[in-house]
Amino acid sequence: MHILLIEDDLDLGRALQAALKVDGLSSEWRRRVADAPRVPDATQFDCVLLDLSLPDGSGLDLLHRWRREDCSLPVIVITARSAIEDRLAGLDGGADDFVIKPFAAAELISRIRAVLRRSARQASDVWALGELSIEPRKHRALLDGAPLDLSPREFRLLVELAREPGTVVAKGVLAQRLEPLGEPLDFAAIEVHLSNLRRKIGSDRIRTVRGVGYMLET
């Protein structure tokens, strides 16, 4: 998973990036409103951590702009503002969660995973898809109760398809999500990983929609 962090505090930003990395989450850090994307790209990021008090503007105004642009990417507000009015303003403005500074990194990461489960319409740490079950936090997948021997890239590919089971995921989206810190993975490489994944979970579980992308059958 790839997180967009918008936070001006140098010490906190570094600490958060380190904590996310330890838990297997990659991140991209911006410090000002001017450096934030006009609308975060859902093909590049899975979640946004947004401070409300930025040196050149309001994080809340930034959030309002994103929601006006129909950005549905999960956003967790991280702020020192603890008044109920601020929390309500953040949640009513489109935030998916609200975390008060100071906070424990473990709590924030737990909240990130909870928000992502909700956005993926999954209610627990175990994603159940018929005979197939996926445990993203443990980097484990099982078929009929037996662990699958998946490479890291195969597992990430399976997770991305399982976020929207029964829905076609475009090739370009998969390419970007599988390589969030570098150049998008080329389509030929995706085909190779998909072929290996099909062999391990059953070829009929992943359907190719020609010219569009792939769908995990439910």
C-alpha atoms as a PDB file:
ATOM      1  CA  MET A   1       0.000   0.000   0.000  1.00  0.00           C
ATOM      2  CA  HIS A   2       1.199   3.500  -0.850  1.00  0.00           C
ATOM      3  CA  ILE A   3       0.331   6.434   1.432  1.00  0.00           C
ATOM      4  CA  LEU A   4       0.354  10.165   0.652  1.00  0.00           C
ATOM      5  CA  LEU A   5       1.543  12.053   3.750  1.00  0.00           C
ATOM      6  CA  ILE A   6       0.925  15.809   3.912  1.00  0.00           C
ATOM      7  CA  GLU A   7       2.583  17.099   7.090  1.00  0.00           C
ATOM      8  CA  ASP A   8       4.855  20.118   7.612  1.00  0.00           C
ATOM      9  CA  ASP A   9       6.606  18.979  10.820  1.00  0.00           C
ATOM     10  CA  LEU A  10      10.012  17.566   9.869  1.00  0.00           C
ATOM     11  CA  ASP A  11      10.484  15.314  12.893  1.00  0.00           C
ATOM     12  CA  LEU A  12       6.963  13.913  12.751  1.00  0.00           C
ATOM     13  CA  GLY A  13       7.112  13.404   8.998  1.00  0.00           C
ATOM     14  CA  ARG A  14      10.353  11.438   9.225  1.00  0.00           C
ATOM     15  CA  ALA A  15       9.057   9.376  12.134  1.00  0.00           C
ATOM     16  CA  LEU A  16       5.821   8.556  10.318  1.00  0.00           C
ATOM     17  CA  GLN A  17       7.607   7.500   7.146  1.00  0.00           C
ATOM     18  CA  ALA A  18       9.889   5.233   9.190  1.00  0.00           C
ATOM     19  CA  ALA A  19       6.937   3.689  11.060  1.00  0.00           C
ATOM     20  CA  LEU A  20       4.997   3.099   7.841  1.00  0.00           C
ATOM     21  CA  LYS A  21       8.027   1.452   6.237  1.00  0.00           C
ATOM     22  CA  VAL A  22       8.491  -0.911   9.192  1.00  0.00           C
ATOM     23  CA  ASP A  23       4.873  -2.018   8.755  1.00  0.00           C
ATOM     24  CA  GLY A  24       5.322  -2.636   5.043  1.00  0.00           C
ATOM     25  CA  LEU A  25       3.652   0.570   3.812  1.00  0.00           C
ATOM     26  CA  SER A  26       5.378   2.859   1.322  1.00  0.00           C
ATOM     27  CA  SER A  27       4.769   6.606   1.429  1.00  0.00           C
ATOM     28  CA  GLU A  28       5.295   9.915  -0.347  1.00  0.00           C
ATOM     29  CA  TRP A  29       5.722  13.036   1.797  1.00  0.00           C
ATOM     30  CA  ARG A  30       4.646  16.598   0.953  1.00  0.00           C
ATOM     31  CA  ARG A  31       4.928  19.553   3.369  1.00  0.00           C
ATOM     32  CA  ARG A  32       2.761  22.315   1.866  1.00  0.00           C
ATOM     33  CA  VAL A  33      -0.592  22.819   0.220  1.00  0.00           C
ATOM     34  CA  ALA A  34       1.243  24.020  -2.880  1.00  0.00           C
ATOM     35  CA  ASP A  35       3.112  20.696  -3.087  1.00  0.00           C
ATOM     36  CA  ALA A  36      -0.021  18.557  -2.719  1.00  0.00           C
ATOM     37  CA  PRO A  37      -1.615  17.142  -5.863  1.00  0.00           C
ATOM     38  CA  ARG A  38      -4.633  19.042  -7.102  1.00  0.00           C
ATOM     39  CA  VAL A  39      -6.521  15.767  -6.787  1.00  0.00           C
ATOM     40  CA  PRO A  40      -4.724  12.673  -5.420  1.00  0.00           C
ATOM     41  CA  ASP A  41      -4.528   9.894  -7.980  1.00  0.00           C
ATOM     42  CA  ALA A  42      -6.339   6.765  -6.782  1.00  0.00           C
ATOM     43  CA  THR A  43      -4.141   4.703  -9.109  1.00  0.00           C
ATOM     44  CA  GLN A  44      -1.059   5.907  -7.216  1.00  0.00           C
ATOM     45  CA  PHE A  45      -2.184   6.228  -3.572  1.00  0.00           C
ATOM     46  CA  ASP A  46      -4.313   4.065  -1.288  1.00  0.00           C
ATOM     47  CA  CYS A  47      -4.826   6.592   1.521  1.00  0.00           C
ATOM     48  CA  VAL A  48      -3.946  10.182   2.529  1.00  0.00           C
ATOM     49  CA  LEU A  49      -2.677  11.338   5.936  1.00  0.00           C
ATOM     50  CA  LEU A  50      -3.482  15.060   6.069  1.00  0.00           C
ATOM     51  CA  ASP A  51      -2.441  17.690   8.610  1.00  0.00           C
ATOM     52  CA  LEU A  52      -4.901  20.577   8.934  1.00  0.00           C
ATOM     53  CA  SER A  53      -2.369  23.308   9.810  1.00  0.00           C
ATOM     54  CA  LEU A  54       0.032  23.725   6.914  1.00  0.00           C
ATOM     55  CA  PRO A  55       2.434  26.661   6.435  1.00  0.00           C
ATOM     56  CA  ASP A  56       0.784  27.991   3.278  1.00  0.00           C
ATOM     57  CA  GLY A  57      -2.866  27.141   3.821  1.00  0.00           C
ATOM     58  CA  SER A  58      -5.524  24.973   5.389  1.00  0.00           C
ATOM     59  CA  GLY A  59      -5.575  21.211   5.081  1.00  0.00           C
ATOM     60  CA  LEU A  60      -9.338  21.374   5.534  1.00  0.00           C
ATOM     61  CA  ASP A  61      -9.678  23.624   2.480  1.00  0.00           C
ATOM     62  CA  LEU A  62      -7.540  21.136   0.565  1.00  0.00           C
ATOM     63  CA  LEU A  63      -9.834  18.298   1.639  1.00  0.00           C
ATOM     64  CA  HIS A  64     -12.922  20.291   0.588  1.00  0.00           C
ATOM     65  CA  ARG A  65     -11.380  20.828  -2.845  1.00  0.00           C
ATOM     66  CA  TRP A  66     -10.658  17.139  -3.285  1.00  0.00           C
ATOM     67  CA  ARG A  67     -14.188  16.133  -2.353  1.00  0.00           C
ATOM     68  CA  ARG A  68     -15.650  18.744  -4.727  1.00  0.00           C
ATOM     69  CA  GLU A  69     -13.577  17.093  -7.444  1.00  0.00           C
ATOM     70  CA  ASP A  70     -15.203  13.736  -6.585  1.00  0.00           C
ATOM     71  CA  CYS A  71     -12.024  12.332  -5.055  1.00  0.00           C
ATOM     72  CA  SER A  72     -13.103   9.281  -3.047  1.00  0.00           C
ATOM     73  CA  LEU A  73      -9.630   8.342  -1.797  1.00  0.00           C
ATOM     74  CA  PRO A  74      -9.676   7.620   1.986  1.00  0.00           C
ATOM     75  CA  VAL A  75      -8.350  10.581   4.011  1.00  0.00           C
ATOM     76  CA  ILE A  76      -7.261  10.457   7.652  1.00  0.00           C
ATOM     77  CA  VAL A  77      -6.815  13.859   9.285  1.00  0.00           C
ATOM     78  CA  ILE A  78      -3.859  14.083  11.694  1.00  0.00           C
ATOM     79  CA  THR A  79      -3.873  17.268  13.755  1.00  0.00           C
ATOM     80  CA  ALA A  80      -3.177  18.852  17.133  1.00  0.00           C
ATOM     81  CA  ARG A  81      -6.629  20.450  17.088  1.00  0.00           C
ATOM     82  CA  SER A  82      -8.654  18.547  19.660  1.00  0.00           C
ATOM     83  CA  ALA A  83     -11.804  20.690  19.938  1.00  0.00           C
ATOM     84  CA  ILE A  84     -15.019  18.919  19.025  1.00  0.00           C
ATOM     85  CA  GLU A  85     -15.768  21.675  16.503  1.00  0.00           C
ATOM     86  CA  ASP A  86     -12.530  20.882  14.638  1.00  0.00           C
ATOM     87  CA  ARG A  87     -13.249  17.162  14.637  1.00  0.00           C
ATOM     88  CA  LEU A  88     -16.754  17.703  13.333  1.00  0.00           C
ATOM     89  CA  ALA A  89     -15.486  20.099  10.666  1.00  0.00           C
ATOM     90  CA  GLY A  90     -12.979  17.503   9.506  1.00  0.00           C
ATOM     91  CA  LEU A  91     -15.436  14.627   9.406  1.00  0.00           C
ATOM     92  CA  ASP A  92     -18.204  16.703   7.867  1.00  0.00           C
ATOM     93  CA  GLY A  93     -15.687  18.008   5.345  1.00  0.00           C
ATOM     94  CA  GLY A  94     -15.066  14.515   4.024  1.00  0.00           C
ATOM     95  CA  ALA A  95     -12.435  12.958   6.288  1.00  0.00           C
ATOM     96  CA  ASP A  96     -12.750   9.213   6.866  1.00  0.00           C
ATOM     97  CA  ASP A  97     -11.077   9.378  10.288  1.00  0.00           C
ATOM     98  CA  PHE A  98      -9.593  11.959  12.660  1.00  0.00           C
ATOM     99  CA  VAL A  99      -6.478  11.340  14.791  1.00  0.00           C
ATOM    100  CA  ILE A 100      -5.321  13.783  17.478  1.00  0.00           C
ATOM    101  CA  LYS A 101      -1.612  14.514  17.987  1.00  0.00           C
ATOM    102  CA  PRO A 102       0.309  13.153  19.783  1.00  0.00           C
ATOM    103  CA  PHE A 103      -0.589   9.618  18.824  1.00  0.00           C
ATOM    104  CA  ALA A 104       1.099   6.225  18.791  1.00  0.00           C
ATOM    105  CA  ALA A 105       2.298   5.105  15.366  1.00  0.00           C
ATOM    106  CA  ALA A 106       0.733   1.675  15.965  1.00  0.00           C
ATOM    107  CA  GLU A 107      -2.685   3.276  16.473  1.00  0.00           C
ATOM    108  CA  LEU A 108      -2.396   5.337  13.297  1.00  0.00           C
ATOM    109  CA  ILE A 109      -1.383   2.303  11.226  1.00  0.00           C
ATOM    110  CA  SER A 110      -4.299   0.350  12.701  1.00  0.00           C
ATOM    111  CA  ARG A 111      -6.639   3.178  11.678  1.00  0.00           C
ATOM    112  CA  ILE A 112      -5.158   3.212   8.163  1.00  0.00           C
ATOM    113  CA  ARG A 113      -5.876  -0.485   7.773  1.00  0.00           C
ATOM    114  CA  ALA A 114      -9.403  -0.075   9.152  1.00  0.00           C
ATOM    115  CA  VAL A 115     -10.157   2.749   6.693  1.00  0.00           C
ATOM    116  CA  LEU A 116      -8.760   0.720   3.804  1.00  0.00           C
ATOM    117  CA  ARG A 117     -10.846  -2.287   4.804  1.00  0.00           C
ATOM    118  CA  ARG A 118     -13.952  -0.126   4.736  1.00  0.00           C
ATOM    119  CA  SER A 119     -13.038   1.340   1.366  1.00  0.00           C
ATOM    120  CA  ALA A 120     -12.485  -2.179   0.037  1.00  0.00           C
ATOM    121  CA  ARG A 121     -15.798  -3.278   1.563  1.00  0.00           C
ATOM    122  CA  GLN A 122     -13.961  -5.804   3.748  1.00  0.00           C
ATOM    123  CA  ALA A 123     -15.091  -6.045   7.387  1.00  0.00           C
ATOM    124  CA  SER A 124     -12.066  -7.769   8.951  1.00  0.00           C
ATOM    125  CA  ASP A 125      -8.346  -8.498   8.590  1.00  0.00           C
ATOM    126  CA  VAL A 126      -9.302 -11.654   6.674  1.00  0.00           C
ATOM    127  CA  TRP A 127     -10.807 -11.038   3.237  1.00  0.00           C
ATOM    128  CA  ALA A 128     -13.042 -14.007   2.407  1.00  0.00           C
ATOM    129  CA  LEU A 129     -13.677 -14.647  -1.295  1.00  0.00           C
ATOM    130  CA  GLY A 130     -15.247 -18.090  -1.532  1.00  0.00           C
ATOM    131  CA  GLU A 131     -12.550 -20.741  -1.083  1.00  0.00           C
ATOM    132  CA  LEU A 132      -9.916 -18.011  -1.238  1.00  0.00           C
ATOM    133  CA  SER A 133      -8.990 -15.942   1.816  1.00  0.00           C
ATOM    134  CA  ILE A 134      -6.457 -13.117   2.048  1.00  0.00           C
ATOM    135  CA  GLU A 135      -4.807 -11.631   5.120  1.00  0.00           C
ATOM    136  CA  PRO A 136      -3.082  -8.423   3.885  1.00  0.00           C
ATOM    137  CA  ARG A 137      -1.544  -7.573   7.249  1.00  0.00           C
ATOM    138  CA  LYS A 138       0.113 -10.990   7.528  1.00  0.00           C
ATOM    139  CA  HIS A 139       0.998 -11.107   3.820  1.00  0.00           C
ATOM    140  CA  ARG A 140      -0.752 -14.465   3.597  1.00  0.00           C
ATOM    141  CA  ALA A 141      -3.301 -16.032   1.268  1.00  0.00           C
ATOM    142  CA  LEU A 142      -5.017 -19.396   1.580  1.00  0.00           C
ATOM    143  CA  LEU A 143      -6.968 -21.575  -0.836  1.00  0.00           C
ATOM    144  CA  ASP A 144      -9.303 -24.109   0.769  1.00  0.00           C
ATOM    145  CA  GLY A 145      -7.448 -23.466   4.023  1.00  0.00           C
ATOM    146  CA  ALA A 146      -4.016 -24.279   2.583  1.00  0.00           C
ATOM    147  CA  PRO A 147      -1.371 -21.489   2.441  1.00  0.00           C
ATOM    148  CA  LEU A 148      -0.432 -20.303  -1.037  1.00  0.00           C
ATOM    149  CA  ASP A 149       3.222 -19.908  -1.948  1.00  0.00           C
ATOM    150  CA  LEU A 150       3.101 -16.460  -3.585  1.00  0.00           C
ATOM    151  CA  SER A 151       5.967 -14.148  -4.431  1.00  0.00           C
ATOM    152  CA  PRO A 152       5.722 -10.594  -2.998  1.00  0.00           C
ATOM    153  CA  ARG A 153       4.670  -9.242  -6.410  1.00  0.00           C
ATOM    154  CA  GLU A 154       2.062 -11.998  -6.878  1.00  0.00           C
ATOM    155  CA  PHE A 155       0.633 -11.314  -3.435  1.00  0.00           C
ATOM    156  CA  ARG A 156       0.376  -7.568  -4.087  1.00  0.00           C
ATOM    157  CA  LEU A 157      -1.311  -8.278  -7.398  1.00  0.00           C
ATOM    158  CA  LEU A 158      -3.853 -10.541  -5.695  1.00  0.00           C
ATOM    159  CA  VAL A 159      -4.563  -7.904  -3.015  1.00  0.00           C
ATOM    160  CA  GLU A 160      -5.155  -5.195  -5.613  1.00  0.00           C
ATOM    161  CA  LEU A 161      -7.602  -7.380  -7.522  1.00  0.00           C
ATOM    162  CA  ALA A 162      -9.330  -8.410  -4.287  1.00  0.00           C
ATOM    163  CA  ARG A 163      -9.974  -4.791  -3.288  1.00  0.00           C
ATOM    164  CA  GLU A 164     -12.715  -4.717  -5.922  1.00  0.00           C
ATOM    165  CA  PRO A 165     -13.820  -8.317  -6.484  1.00  0.00           C
ATOM    166  CA  GLY A 166     -16.158  -8.710  -9.417  1.00  0.00           C
ATOM    167  CA  THR A 167     -14.991  -5.383 -10.872  1.00  0.00           C
ATOM    168  CA  VAL A 168     -12.551  -4.905 -13.745  1.00  0.00           C
ATOM    169  CA  VAL A 169      -9.285  -3.279 -12.641  1.00  0.00           C
ATOM    170  CA  ALA A 170      -7.555  -1.460 -15.492  1.00  0.00           C
ATOM    171  CA  LYS A 171      -4.064  -2.530 -16.548  1.00  0.00           C
ATOM    172  CA  GLY A 172      -2.714   0.973 -15.968  1.00  0.00           C
ATOM    173  CA  VAL A 173      -4.074   1.031 -12.415  1.00  0.00           C
ATOM    174  CA  LEU A 174      -2.430  -2.302 -11.608  1.00  0.00           C
ATOM    175  CA  ALA A 175       0.853  -1.179 -13.157  1.00  0.00           C
ATOM    176  CA  GLN A 176       0.989   1.922 -10.978  1.00  0.00           C
ATOM    177  CA  ARG A 177      -0.100   0.218  -7.765  1.00  0.00           C
ATOM    178  CA  LEU A 178       2.401  -2.604  -8.144  1.00  0.00           C
ATOM    179  CA  GLU A 179       5.317  -0.194  -8.417  1.00  0.00           C
ATOM    180  CA  PRO A 180       4.306   2.935  -6.440  1.00  0.00           C
ATOM    181  CA  LEU A 181       7.840   4.164  -5.752  1.00  0.00           C
ATOM    182  CA  GLY A 182       9.202   3.875  -9.252  1.00  0.00           C
ATOM    183  CA  GLU A 183       8.213   3.566 -12.855  1.00  0.00           C
ATOM    184  CA  PRO A 184       4.943   1.732 -13.519  1.00  0.00           C
ATOM    185  CA  LEU A 185       5.370  -1.977 -14.142  1.00  0.00           C
ATOM    186  CA  ASP A 186       5.115  -2.739 -17.866  1.00  0.00           C
ATOM    187  CA  PHE A 187       2.136  -4.739 -19.081  1.00  0.00           C
ATOM    188  CA  ALA A 188       4.268  -7.681 -20.221  1.00  0.00           C
ATOM    189  CA  ALA A 189       5.590  -8.119 -16.666  1.00  0.00           C
ATOM    190  CA  ILE A 190       2.041  -7.952 -15.298  1.00  0.00           C
ATOM    191  CA  GLU A 191       1.011 -10.731 -17.680  1.00  0.00           C
ATOM    192  CA  VAL A 192       3.850 -12.928 -16.404  1.00  0.00           C
ATOM    193  CA  HIS A 193       2.882 -12.381 -12.758  1.00  0.00           C
ATOM    194  CA  LEU A 194      -0.792 -12.956 -13.569  1.00  0.00           C
ATOM    195  CA  SER A 195       0.039 -16.212 -15.339  1.00  0.00           C
ATOM    196  CA  ASN A 196       1.942 -17.416 -12.269  1.00  0.00           C
ATOM    197  CA  LEU A 197      -0.871 -16.288  -9.970  1.00  0.00           C
ATOM    198  CA  ARG A 198      -3.514 -18.061 -12.076  1.00  0.00           C
ATOM    199  CA  ARG A 199      -1.491 -21.260 -11.918  1.00  0.00           C
ATOM    200  CA  LYS A 200      -1.485 -21.083  -8.113  1.00  0.00           C
ATOM    201  CA  ILE A 201      -5.104 -20.036  -7.408  1.00  0.00           C
ATOM    202  CA  GLY A 202      -6.865 -21.464 -10.466  1.00  0.00           C
ATOM    203  CA  SER A 203      -7.005 -20.012 -13.960  1.00  0.00           C
ATOM    204  CA  ASP A 204     -10.771 -19.451 -13.789  1.00  0.00           C
ATOM    205  CA  ARG A 205     -10.486 -17.078 -10.798  1.00  0.00           C
ATOM    206  CA  ILE A 206      -8.946 -14.210 -12.765  1.00  0.00           C
ATOM    207  CA  ARG A 207     -10.731 -13.096 -15.921  1.00  0.00           C
ATOM    208  CA  THR A 208      -9.100 -10.986 -18.626  1.00  0.00           C
ATOM    209  CA  VAL A 209     -11.258  -8.279 -20.176  1.00  0.00           C
ATOM    210  CA  ARG A 210      -9.434  -7.604 -23.424  1.00  0.00           C
ATOM    211  CA  GLY A 211      -8.223  -4.066 -23.883  1.00  0.00           C
ATOM    212  CA  VAL A 212      -9.318  -3.063 -20.379  1.00  0.00           C
ATOM    213  CA  GLY A 213      -7.883  -5.087 -17.514  1.00  0.00           C
ATOM    214  CA  TYR A 214      -8.547  -7.972 -15.155  1.00  0.00           C
ATOM    215  CA  MET A 215     -11.227  -9.081 -12.726  1.00  0.00           C
ATOM    216  CA  LEU A 216     -11.121 -11.400  -9.733  1.00  0.00           C
ATOM    217  CA  GLU A 217     -14.184 -13.633  -9.921  1.00  0.00           C
ATOM    218  CA  THR A 218     -16.249 -13.828  -6.716  1.00  0.00           C
END
